[in-house]
């Protein structure tokens, strides 16, 4: 059974030998399964706890207030997303979750002024840039190859709530349907309720539990296209618990990293040794919009 590796990121900032070891570990993780846990990632437990508390307060607001912030513009990808509005697996019923999407340039969610989303957003951006540097080095590219193409910070901070189940779900309905992420990389923080599963290249589903002090990182569709599928964009899902946890809320926080809008995502020269380009070139924004339109 394939296991999701745990990588100590602190070594990346040490000497050249330690850095190369981390780069090789990251390459292996995103090439073989597309997921990894990062330890010593630089975002404090206190900051992570704050964002979870803030998220819980947001979702506890009356639905009428949340609907005032509803996402209505497909070009913004920001705002409130109600339960069952999103269908990550288009063959299945709507997902049993709600979300707040927050962008770098958004007007802050003023209804709860006690948390600074920008501080957390910036911390995630810094961590994402470190991962992107490692990915560039793993492909023997200039260290800033990916970061220079993400410097407009078109990322989305997504707060997620999977409410307790009060009624029997529809046939095939889960908390988050089987899907791959759309962008380059994703950072994921989750509570201990569980439910996240990752599909291996053999088609098996393995559990990705919460490991204290770590952040899960996975590569998305655009990174897979960029690298000619050397780095894989892995299907994952969130299942409904089959025990007493079905009556508990599940919270997670995802940070979706997306390249600058006009970046052309085309097969890298260093990835042509494996085989000819699998995917045609596409602009980053064009791909994101096509996926969002298919999901909502």
C-alpha atoms as a PDB file:
ATOM      1  CA  UNK A   1       0.000   0.000   0.000  1.00  0.00           C
ATOM      2  CA  UNK A   2       1.346   3.397  -0.984  1.00  0.00           C
ATOM      3  CA  UNK A   3       1.771   5.812   1.935  1.00  0.00           C
ATOM      4  CA  UNK A   4       1.707   9.613   1.751  1.00  0.00           C
ATOM      5  CA  UNK A   5       5.240  10.702   2.718  1.00  0.00           C
ATOM      6  CA  UNK A   6       6.062  13.071   5.582  1.00  0.00           C
ATOM      7  CA  UNK A   7       8.811  15.553   4.678  1.00  0.00           C
ATOM      8  CA  UNK A   8      10.738  17.828   7.036  1.00  0.00           C
ATOM      9  CA  UNK A   9      10.781  21.170   5.229  1.00  0.00           C
ATOM     10  CA  UNK A  10      13.186  22.851   7.650  1.00  0.00           C
ATOM     11  CA  UNK A  11      16.107  21.040   5.996  1.00  0.00           C
ATOM     12  CA  UNK A  12      15.348  22.906   2.748  1.00  0.00           C
ATOM     13  CA  UNK A  13      16.746  26.075   4.318  1.00  0.00           C
ATOM     14  CA  UNK A  14      19.973  24.441   5.504  1.00  0.00           C
ATOM     15  CA  UNK A  15      23.110  23.533   3.560  1.00  0.00           C
ATOM     16  CA  UNK A  16      23.167  22.413  -0.074  1.00  0.00           C
ATOM     17  CA  UNK A  17      23.248  18.693   0.744  1.00  0.00           C
ATOM     18  CA  UNK A  18      20.230  18.897   3.054  1.00  0.00           C
ATOM     19  CA  UNK A  19      18.370  21.016   0.501  1.00  0.00           C
ATOM     20  CA  UNK A  20      18.998  18.501  -2.273  1.00  0.00           C
ATOM     21  CA  UNK A  21      17.697  15.697  -0.062  1.00  0.00           C
ATOM     22  CA  UNK A  22      14.423  17.564   0.503  1.00  0.00           C
ATOM     23  CA  UNK A  23      14.142  18.371  -3.211  1.00  0.00           C
ATOM     24  CA  UNK A  24      14.493  14.674  -4.056  1.00  0.00           C
ATOM     25  CA  UNK A  25      11.897  13.702  -1.437  1.00  0.00           C
ATOM     26  CA  UNK A  26       9.442  16.276  -2.785  1.00  0.00           C
ATOM     27  CA  UNK A  27      10.050  15.155  -6.373  1.00  0.00           C
ATOM     28  CA  UNK A  28       9.358  11.556  -5.442  1.00  0.00           C
ATOM     29  CA  UNK A  29       6.187  12.485  -3.544  1.00  0.00           C
ATOM     30  CA  UNK A  30       4.585  14.570  -6.288  1.00  0.00           C
ATOM     31  CA  UNK A  31       5.724  12.194  -9.033  1.00  0.00           C
ATOM     32  CA  UNK A  32       4.435   9.026  -7.389  1.00  0.00           C
ATOM     33  CA  UNK A  33       1.284  10.113  -5.545  1.00  0.00           C
ATOM     34  CA  UNK A  34       0.903  13.900  -5.819  1.00  0.00           C
ATOM     35  CA  UNK A  35       0.452  14.362  -2.054  1.00  0.00           C
ATOM     36  CA  UNK A  36       2.800  14.929   0.892  1.00  0.00           C
ATOM     37  CA  UNK A  37       2.757  16.062   4.499  1.00  0.00           C
ATOM     38  CA  UNK A  38       5.161  18.875   5.399  1.00  0.00           C
ATOM     39  CA  UNK A  39       6.601  19.226   8.889  1.00  0.00           C
ATOM     40  CA  UNK A  40       8.276  22.417  10.194  1.00  0.00           C
ATOM     41  CA  UNK A  41       6.556  24.426   7.495  1.00  0.00           C
ATOM     42  CA  UNK A  42       6.838  27.780   9.259  1.00  0.00           C
ATOM     43  CA  UNK A  43       3.158  28.580   9.955  1.00  0.00           C
ATOM     44  CA  UNK A  44       2.638  28.622  13.706  1.00  0.00           C
ATOM     45  CA  UNK A  45       0.086  26.328  15.383  1.00  0.00           C
ATOM     46  CA  UNK A  46      -1.396  29.434  17.012  1.00  0.00           C
ATOM     47  CA  UNK A  47      -2.089  31.044  13.634  1.00  0.00           C
ATOM     48  CA  UNK A  48      -3.661  27.843  12.307  1.00  0.00           C
ATOM     49  CA  UNK A  49      -5.851  27.569  15.413  1.00  0.00           C
ATOM     50  CA  UNK A  50      -6.933  31.201  14.984  1.00  0.00           C
ATOM     51  CA  UNK A  51      -8.078  30.636  11.406  1.00  0.00           C
ATOM     52  CA  UNK A  52     -10.071  27.552  12.449  1.00  0.00           C
ATOM     53  CA  UNK A  53     -11.777  29.485  15.237  1.00  0.00           C
ATOM     54  CA  UNK A  54     -12.527  32.320  12.838  1.00  0.00           C
ATOM     55  CA  UNK A  55     -13.898  29.852  10.294  1.00  0.00           C
ATOM     56  CA  UNK A  56     -16.202  28.274  12.869  1.00  0.00           C
ATOM     57  CA  UNK A  57     -17.525  31.710  13.864  1.00  0.00           C
ATOM     58  CA  UNK A  58     -18.213  32.571  10.220  1.00  0.00           C
ATOM     59  CA  UNK A  59     -20.147  29.401   9.497  1.00  0.00           C
ATOM     60  CA  UNK A  60     -22.164  29.807  12.707  1.00  0.00           C
ATOM     61  CA  UNK A  61     -23.653  33.033  11.330  1.00  0.00           C
ATOM     62  CA  UNK A  62     -27.312  32.941  10.211  1.00  0.00           C
ATOM     63  CA  UNK A  63     -27.741  31.713   6.665  1.00  0.00           C
ATOM     64  CA  UNK A  64     -29.318  35.021   5.614  1.00  0.00           C
ATOM     65  CA  UNK A  65     -26.104  36.865   6.509  1.00  0.00           C
ATOM     66  CA  UNK A  66     -23.898  34.301   4.756  1.00  0.00           C
ATOM     67  CA  UNK A  67     -26.069  34.547   1.639  1.00  0.00           C
ATOM     68  CA  UNK A  68     -25.403  38.282   1.515  1.00  0.00           C
ATOM     69  CA  UNK A  69     -21.800  37.327   0.762  1.00  0.00           C
ATOM     70  CA  UNK A  70     -22.739  34.652  -1.787  1.00  0.00           C
ATOM     71  CA  UNK A  71     -20.440  34.121  -4.736  1.00  0.00           C
ATOM     72  CA  UNK A  72     -22.318  35.453  -7.777  1.00  0.00           C
ATOM     73  CA  UNK A  73     -19.549  36.359 -10.235  1.00  0.00           C
ATOM     74  CA  UNK A  74     -17.777  33.425 -11.872  1.00  0.00           C
ATOM     75  CA  UNK A  75     -14.806  35.639 -12.664  1.00  0.00           C
ATOM     76  CA  UNK A  76     -14.123  36.464  -9.019  1.00  0.00           C
ATOM     77  CA  UNK A  77     -14.198  32.972  -7.447  1.00  0.00           C
ATOM     78  CA  UNK A  78     -14.862  34.631  -4.090  1.00  0.00           C
ATOM     79  CA  UNK A  79     -17.646  34.722  -1.542  1.00  0.00           C
ATOM     80  CA  UNK A  80     -19.957  32.259   0.178  1.00  0.00           C
ATOM     81  CA  UNK A  81     -20.832  28.896  -1.383  1.00  0.00           C
ATOM     82  CA  UNK A  82     -23.871  27.184   0.122  1.00  0.00           C
ATOM     83  CA  UNK A  83     -24.423  23.503   0.873  1.00  0.00           C
ATOM     84  CA  UNK A  84     -24.886  21.382  -2.267  1.00  0.00           C
ATOM     85  CA  UNK A  85     -24.173  24.339  -4.595  1.00  0.00           C
ATOM     86  CA  UNK A  86     -20.846  22.832  -5.594  1.00  0.00           C
ATOM     87  CA  UNK A  87     -20.647  19.441  -7.270  1.00  0.00           C
ATOM     88  CA  UNK A  88     -17.015  18.415  -7.558  1.00  0.00           C
ATOM     89  CA  UNK A  89     -17.981  15.081  -9.089  1.00  0.00           C
ATOM     90  CA  UNK A  90     -20.445  16.079 -11.831  1.00  0.00           C
ATOM     91  CA  UNK A  91     -21.909  12.572 -11.873  1.00  0.00           C
ATOM     92  CA  UNK A  92     -22.979  12.789  -8.219  1.00  0.00           C
ATOM     93  CA  UNK A  93     -25.348  15.009  -6.173  1.00  0.00           C
ATOM     94  CA  UNK A  94     -24.135  18.312  -4.726  1.00  0.00           C
ATOM     95  CA  UNK A  95     -21.453  18.204  -2.025  1.00  0.00           C
ATOM     96  CA  UNK A  96     -22.477  18.295   1.649  1.00  0.00           C
ATOM     97  CA  UNK A  97     -20.345  21.297   2.501  1.00  0.00           C
ATOM     98  CA  UNK A  98     -20.308  25.086   2.548  1.00  0.00           C
ATOM     99  CA  UNK A  99     -17.376  27.402   1.943  1.00  0.00           C
ATOM    100  CA  UNK A 100     -16.026  30.942   1.988  1.00  0.00           C
ATOM    101  CA  UNK A 101     -13.589  31.782  -0.820  1.00  0.00           C
ATOM    102  CA  UNK A 102     -11.282  34.700  -0.046  1.00  0.00           C
ATOM    103  CA  UNK A 103      -8.883  36.331  -2.515  1.00  0.00           C
ATOM    104  CA  UNK A 104      -5.893  38.579  -1.889  1.00  0.00           C
ATOM    105  CA  UNK A 105      -7.583  41.675  -3.264  1.00  0.00           C
ATOM    106  CA  UNK A 106     -10.993  41.043  -1.731  1.00  0.00           C
ATOM    107  CA  UNK A 107     -12.754  43.435   0.547  1.00  0.00           C
ATOM    108  CA  UNK A 108     -12.329  41.890   3.948  1.00  0.00           C
ATOM    109  CA  UNK A 109     -15.223  40.051   5.547  1.00  0.00           C
ATOM    110  CA  UNK A 110     -16.083  42.936   7.869  1.00  0.00           C
ATOM    111  CA  UNK A 111     -18.834  41.076   9.714  1.00  0.00           C
ATOM    112  CA  UNK A 112     -16.196  39.485  11.958  1.00  0.00           C
ATOM    113  CA  UNK A 113     -13.334  41.951  12.424  1.00  0.00           C
ATOM    114  CA  UNK A 114     -11.365  39.916  14.977  1.00  0.00           C
ATOM    115  CA  UNK A 115      -9.241  38.014  12.481  1.00  0.00           C
ATOM    116  CA  UNK A 116      -6.795  39.267   9.863  1.00  0.00           C
ATOM    117  CA  UNK A 117      -7.168  36.938   6.890  1.00  0.00           C
ATOM    118  CA  UNK A 118      -4.383  38.750   5.049  1.00  0.00           C
ATOM    119  CA  UNK A 119      -1.792  37.709   7.643  1.00  0.00           C
ATOM    120  CA  UNK A 120      -2.689  34.039   7.181  1.00  0.00           C
ATOM    121  CA  UNK A 121      -2.941  34.488   3.396  1.00  0.00           C
ATOM    122  CA  UNK A 122       0.586  35.940   3.333  1.00  0.00           C
ATOM    123  CA  UNK A 123       1.949  33.113   5.505  1.00  0.00           C
ATOM    124  CA  UNK A 124       0.445  30.560   3.115  1.00  0.00           C
ATOM    125  CA  UNK A 125       1.866  32.449   0.131  1.00  0.00           C
ATOM    126  CA  UNK A 126       5.334  32.332   1.664  1.00  0.00           C
ATOM    127  CA  UNK A 127       5.072  28.590   2.299  1.00  0.00           C
ATOM    128  CA  UNK A 128       3.709  27.979  -1.199  1.00  0.00           C
ATOM    129  CA  UNK A 129       6.654  29.874  -2.688  1.00  0.00           C
ATOM    130  CA  UNK A 130       9.073  27.616  -0.817  1.00  0.00           C
ATOM    131  CA  UNK A 131       7.342  24.543  -2.233  1.00  0.00           C
ATOM    132  CA  UNK A 132       7.346  26.061  -5.729  1.00  0.00           C
ATOM    133  CA  UNK A 133      11.078  26.736  -5.433  1.00  0.00           C
ATOM    134  CA  UNK A 134      11.661  23.106  -4.471  1.00  0.00           C
ATOM    135  CA  UNK A 135       9.568  21.909  -7.423  1.00  0.00           C
ATOM    136  CA  UNK A 136      11.583  24.095  -9.811  1.00  0.00           C
ATOM    137  CA  UNK A 137      14.870  22.727  -8.466  1.00  0.00           C
ATOM    138  CA  UNK A 138      13.512  19.182  -8.732  1.00  0.00           C
ATOM    139  CA  UNK A 139      13.073  19.779 -12.477  1.00  0.00           C
ATOM    140  CA  UNK A 140      16.508  21.446 -12.768  1.00  0.00           C
ATOM    141  CA  UNK A 141      14.880  24.793 -13.559  1.00  0.00           C
ATOM    142  CA  UNK A 142      15.882  28.203 -12.157  1.00  0.00           C
ATOM    143  CA  UNK A 143      14.735  28.400  -8.537  1.00  0.00           C
ATOM    144  CA  UNK A 144      12.356  31.273  -9.289  1.00  0.00           C
ATOM    145  CA  UNK A 145      10.796  29.691 -12.391  1.00  0.00           C
ATOM    146  CA  UNK A 146       7.445  28.977 -10.749  1.00  0.00           C
ATOM    147  CA  UNK A 147       7.436  31.761  -8.139  1.00  0.00           C
ATOM    148  CA  UNK A 148       7.967  34.436 -10.809  1.00  0.00           C
ATOM    149  CA  UNK A 149       4.870  33.092 -12.550  1.00  0.00           C
ATOM    150  CA  UNK A 150       2.806  33.249  -9.347  1.00  0.00           C
ATOM    151  CA  UNK A 151       3.808  36.748  -8.214  1.00  0.00           C
ATOM    152  CA  UNK A 152       0.388  38.325  -8.853  1.00  0.00           C
ATOM    153  CA  UNK A 153      -0.921  36.128  -6.018  1.00  0.00           C
ATOM    154  CA  UNK A 154      -4.092  34.941  -7.736  1.00  0.00           C
ATOM    155  CA  UNK A 155      -4.512  32.439  -4.923  1.00  0.00           C
ATOM    156  CA  UNK A 156      -7.716  31.549  -3.107  1.00  0.00           C
ATOM    157  CA  UNK A 157      -7.983  30.982   0.633  1.00  0.00           C
ATOM    158  CA  UNK A 158     -10.934  28.659   1.169  1.00  0.00           C
ATOM    159  CA  UNK A 159     -12.592  28.051   4.531  1.00  0.00           C
ATOM    160  CA  UNK A 160     -14.640  24.843   4.491  1.00  0.00           C
ATOM    161  CA  UNK A 161     -17.363  23.470   6.763  1.00  0.00           C
ATOM    162  CA  UNK A 162     -18.919  20.038   6.462  1.00  0.00           C
ATOM    163  CA  UNK A 163     -21.995  20.174   8.720  1.00  0.00           C
ATOM    164  CA  UNK A 164     -23.304  17.248  10.780  1.00  0.00           C
ATOM    165  CA  UNK A 165     -25.703  15.039   8.851  1.00  0.00           C
ATOM    166  CA  UNK A 166     -29.288  15.465   9.994  1.00  0.00           C
ATOM    167  CA  UNK A 167     -30.897  13.409   7.221  1.00  0.00           C
ATOM    168  CA  UNK A 168     -29.940  10.464   5.036  1.00  0.00           C
ATOM    169  CA  UNK A 169     -27.751  11.639   2.140  1.00  0.00           C
ATOM    170  CA  UNK A 170     -28.828  11.156  -1.450  1.00  0.00           C
ATOM    171  CA  UNK A 171     -27.529   8.133  -3.348  1.00  0.00           C
ATOM    172  CA  UNK A 172     -23.830   8.643  -4.063  1.00  0.00           C
ATOM    173  CA  UNK A 173     -23.663  11.892  -2.089  1.00  0.00           C
ATOM    174  CA  UNK A 174     -20.515  12.609  -0.075  1.00  0.00           C
ATOM    175  CA  UNK A 175     -18.981  15.592   1.684  1.00  0.00           C
ATOM    176  CA  UNK A 176     -16.726  16.414  -1.272  1.00  0.00           C
ATOM    177  CA  UNK A 177     -16.914  14.486  -4.511  1.00  0.00           C
ATOM    178  CA  UNK A 178     -13.988  12.857  -6.269  1.00  0.00           C
ATOM    179  CA  UNK A 179     -11.919  15.557  -7.991  1.00  0.00           C
ATOM    180  CA  UNK A 180      -8.486  16.926  -8.699  1.00  0.00           C
ATOM    181  CA  UNK A 181      -7.505  20.504  -7.858  1.00  0.00           C
ATOM    182  CA  UNK A 182      -7.360  23.028 -10.668  1.00  0.00           C
ATOM    183  CA  UNK A 183      -4.233  25.100 -10.003  1.00  0.00           C
ATOM    184  CA  UNK A 184      -0.552  24.445  -9.417  1.00  0.00           C
ATOM    185  CA  UNK A 185      -0.377  23.402  -5.754  1.00  0.00           C
ATOM    186  CA  UNK A 186      -2.726  23.317  -2.760  1.00  0.00           C
ATOM    187  CA  UNK A 187      -1.986  23.670   0.952  1.00  0.00           C
ATOM    188  CA  UNK A 188      -4.519  21.928   3.193  1.00  0.00           C
ATOM    189  CA  UNK A 189      -5.080  22.207   6.935  1.00  0.00           C
ATOM    190  CA  UNK A 190      -7.698  19.875   8.430  1.00  0.00           C
ATOM    191  CA  UNK A 191      -9.179  19.034  11.815  1.00  0.00           C
ATOM    192  CA  UNK A 192      -9.197  15.539  13.342  1.00  0.00           C
ATOM    193  CA  UNK A 193     -12.697  14.481  12.205  1.00  0.00           C
ATOM    194  CA  UNK A 194     -11.290  12.745   9.136  1.00  0.00           C
ATOM    195  CA  UNK A 195     -12.783  11.748   5.817  1.00  0.00           C
ATOM    196  CA  UNK A 196     -10.123  12.812   3.312  1.00  0.00           C
ATOM    197  CA  UNK A 197      -9.115  10.023   0.938  1.00  0.00           C
ATOM    198  CA  UNK A 198      -6.523  10.029  -1.853  1.00  0.00           C
ATOM    199  CA  UNK A 199      -6.507   7.788  -4.914  1.00  0.00           C
ATOM    200  CA  UNK A 200      -3.246   6.018  -5.738  1.00  0.00           C
ATOM    201  CA  UNK A 201      -2.030   5.387  -9.285  1.00  0.00           C
ATOM    202  CA  UNK A 202      -3.297   1.814  -8.823  1.00  0.00           C
ATOM    203  CA  UNK A 203      -6.805   3.170  -8.255  1.00  0.00           C
ATOM    204  CA  UNK A 204      -6.897   2.375  -4.527  1.00  0.00           C
ATOM    205  CA  UNK A 205      -8.309   4.900  -2.056  1.00  0.00           C
ATOM    206  CA  UNK A 206      -6.124   5.556   0.999  1.00  0.00           C
ATOM    207  CA  UNK A 207      -6.933   7.626   4.076  1.00  0.00           C
ATOM    208  CA  UNK A 208      -5.135  10.940   4.575  1.00  0.00           C
ATOM    209  CA  UNK A 209      -5.619  11.631   8.287  1.00  0.00           C
ATOM    210  CA  UNK A 210      -4.797  14.817  10.135  1.00  0.00           C
ATOM    211  CA  UNK A 211      -1.224  14.693  11.472  1.00  0.00           C
ATOM    212  CA  UNK A 212      -0.600  17.380  14.123  1.00  0.00           C
ATOM    213  CA  UNK A 213       1.942  20.006  13.138  1.00  0.00           C
ATOM    214  CA  UNK A 214       1.807  19.226   9.419  1.00  0.00           C
ATOM    215  CA  UNK A 215       0.219  20.707   6.335  1.00  0.00           C
ATOM    216  CA  UNK A 216      -0.832  18.551   3.387  1.00  0.00           C
ATOM    217  CA  UNK A 217       0.434  19.710   0.003  1.00  0.00           C
ATOM    218  CA  UNK A 218      -0.778  18.345  -3.307  1.00  0.00           C
ATOM    219  CA  UNK A 219      -0.108  19.203  -6.921  1.00  0.00           C
ATOM    220  CA  UNK A 220      -2.984  20.291  -9.184  1.00  0.00           C
ATOM    221  CA  UNK A 221      -4.014  20.106 -12.824  1.00  0.00           C
ATOM    222  CA  UNK A 222      -1.949  23.012 -14.094  1.00  0.00           C
ATOM    223  CA  UNK A 223       1.234  21.637 -12.535  1.00  0.00           C
ATOM    224  CA  UNK A 224       0.476  18.272 -14.121  1.00  0.00           C
ATOM    225  CA  UNK A 225       0.016  19.910 -17.546  1.00  0.00           C
ATOM    226  CA  UNK A 226       3.137  22.054 -17.092  1.00  0.00           C
ATOM    227  CA  UNK A 227       5.283  19.025 -16.270  1.00  0.00           C
ATOM    228  CA  UNK A 228       3.799  16.707 -18.914  1.00  0.00           C
ATOM    229  CA  UNK A 229       2.335  14.564 -16.111  1.00  0.00           C
ATOM    230  CA  UNK A 230       5.716  14.044 -14.425  1.00  0.00           C
ATOM    231  CA  UNK A 231       4.033  15.604 -11.382  1.00  0.00           C
ATOM    232  CA  UNK A 232       0.564  14.144 -10.940  1.00  0.00           C
ATOM    233  CA  UNK A 233      -2.724  15.818 -10.096  1.00  0.00           C
ATOM    234  CA  UNK A 234      -4.323  13.201  -7.905  1.00  0.00           C
ATOM    235  CA  UNK A 235      -8.027  12.565  -7.400  1.00  0.00           C
ATOM    236  CA  UNK A 236      -9.220  12.934  -3.819  1.00  0.00           C
ATOM    237  CA  UNK A 237     -12.521  13.151  -1.946  1.00  0.00           C
ATOM    238  CA  UNK A 238     -14.042  13.671   1.502  1.00  0.00           C
ATOM    239  CA  UNK A 239     -16.271  10.815   2.633  1.00  0.00           C
ATOM    240  CA  UNK A 240     -19.064  10.750   5.204  1.00  0.00           C
ATOM    241  CA  UNK A 241     -17.989   9.104   8.504  1.00  0.00           C
ATOM    242  CA  UNK A 242     -19.524   5.738   9.306  1.00  0.00           C
ATOM    243  CA  UNK A 243     -19.357   6.275  13.078  1.00  0.00           C
ATOM    244  CA  UNK A 244     -20.466   8.860  15.655  1.00  0.00           C
ATOM    245  CA  UNK A 245     -18.426  11.556  13.867  1.00  0.00           C
ATOM    246  CA  UNK A 246     -21.262  11.779  11.350  1.00  0.00           C
ATOM    247  CA  UNK A 247     -22.950  14.004  13.937  1.00  0.00           C
ATOM    248  CA  UNK A 248     -19.960  16.359  14.181  1.00  0.00           C
ATOM    249  CA  UNK A 249     -18.895  19.277  12.021  1.00  0.00           C
ATOM    250  CA  UNK A 250     -15.706  18.906  10.010  1.00  0.00           C
ATOM    251  CA  UNK A 251     -13.583  21.967   9.222  1.00  0.00           C
ATOM    252  CA  UNK A 252     -10.682  22.395   6.862  1.00  0.00           C
ATOM    253  CA  UNK A 253      -8.761  25.286   5.305  1.00  0.00           C
ATOM    254  CA  UNK A 254      -7.417  25.065   1.759  1.00  0.00           C
ATOM    255  CA  UNK A 255      -5.058  27.494   0.046  1.00  0.00           C
ATOM    256  CA  UNK A 256      -5.269  27.082  -3.716  1.00  0.00           C
ATOM    257  CA  UNK A 257      -2.262  28.458  -5.587  1.00  0.00           C
ATOM    258  CA  UNK A 258      -2.846  29.632  -9.127  1.00  0.00           C
ATOM    259  CA  UNK A 259      -0.362  31.055 -11.629  1.00  0.00           C
ATOM    260  CA  UNK A 260      -0.651  34.572 -13.010  1.00  0.00           C
ATOM    261  CA  UNK A 261      -3.708  34.789 -15.284  1.00  0.00           C
ATOM    262  CA  UNK A 262      -1.841  35.190 -18.583  1.00  0.00           C
ATOM    263  CA  UNK A 263       0.749  32.498 -17.889  1.00  0.00           C
ATOM    264  CA  UNK A 264       0.825  29.976 -20.699  1.00  0.00           C
ATOM    265  CA  UNK A 265       0.810  26.478 -19.284  1.00  0.00           C
ATOM    266  CA  UNK A 266       2.718  24.425 -21.828  1.00  0.00           C
ATOM    267  CA  UNK A 267       4.903  21.344 -21.548  1.00  0.00           C
ATOM    268  CA  UNK A 268       8.303  22.250 -20.098  1.00  0.00           C
ATOM    269  CA  UNK A 269      11.309  21.378 -22.239  1.00  0.00           C
ATOM    270  CA  UNK A 270      12.860  19.452 -19.347  1.00  0.00           C
ATOM    271  CA  UNK A 271       9.774  17.211 -19.235  1.00  0.00           C
ATOM    272  CA  UNK A 272       9.786  16.264 -22.928  1.00  0.00           C
ATOM    273  CA  UNK A 273      12.309  13.469 -22.367  1.00  0.00           C
ATOM    274  CA  UNK A 274       9.544  11.229 -21.095  1.00  0.00           C
ATOM    275  CA  UNK A 275       7.237  11.549 -24.119  1.00  0.00           C
ATOM    276  CA  UNK A 276       5.735  14.145 -26.445  1.00  0.00           C
ATOM    277  CA  UNK A 277       3.392  16.764 -24.894  1.00  0.00           C
ATOM    278  CA  UNK A 278       0.197  15.202 -23.576  1.00  0.00           C
ATOM    279  CA  UNK A 279      -1.857  18.399 -23.203  1.00  0.00           C
ATOM    280  CA  UNK A 280      -2.123  21.424 -25.518  1.00  0.00           C
ATOM    281  CA  UNK A 281      -0.985  24.826 -24.186  1.00  0.00           C
ATOM    282  CA  UNK A 282      -3.587  26.844 -22.285  1.00  0.00           C
ATOM    283  CA  UNK A 283      -3.637  30.116 -20.355  1.00  0.00           C
ATOM    284  CA  UNK A 284      -3.918  29.662 -16.587  1.00  0.00           C
ATOM    285  CA  UNK A 285      -7.058  31.817 -16.242  1.00  0.00           C
ATOM    286  CA  UNK A 286      -8.731  30.125 -19.194  1.00  0.00           C
ATOM    287  CA  UNK A 287      -8.290  26.728 -17.573  1.00  0.00           C
ATOM    288  CA  UNK A 288      -9.508  27.900 -14.156  1.00  0.00           C
ATOM    289  CA  UNK A 289     -12.684  29.393 -15.587  1.00  0.00           C
ATOM    290  CA  UNK A 290     -13.445  26.258 -17.589  1.00  0.00           C
ATOM    291  CA  UNK A 291     -13.184  24.120 -14.458  1.00  0.00           C
ATOM    292  CA  UNK A 292     -15.271  26.491 -12.321  1.00  0.00           C
ATOM    293  CA  UNK A 293     -18.031  26.592 -14.930  1.00  0.00           C
ATOM    294  CA  UNK A 294     -18.149  22.797 -14.952  1.00  0.00           C
ATOM    295  CA  UNK A 295     -18.285  22.586 -11.147  1.00  0.00           C
ATOM    296  CA  UNK A 296     -21.086  25.070 -10.367  1.00  0.00           C
END
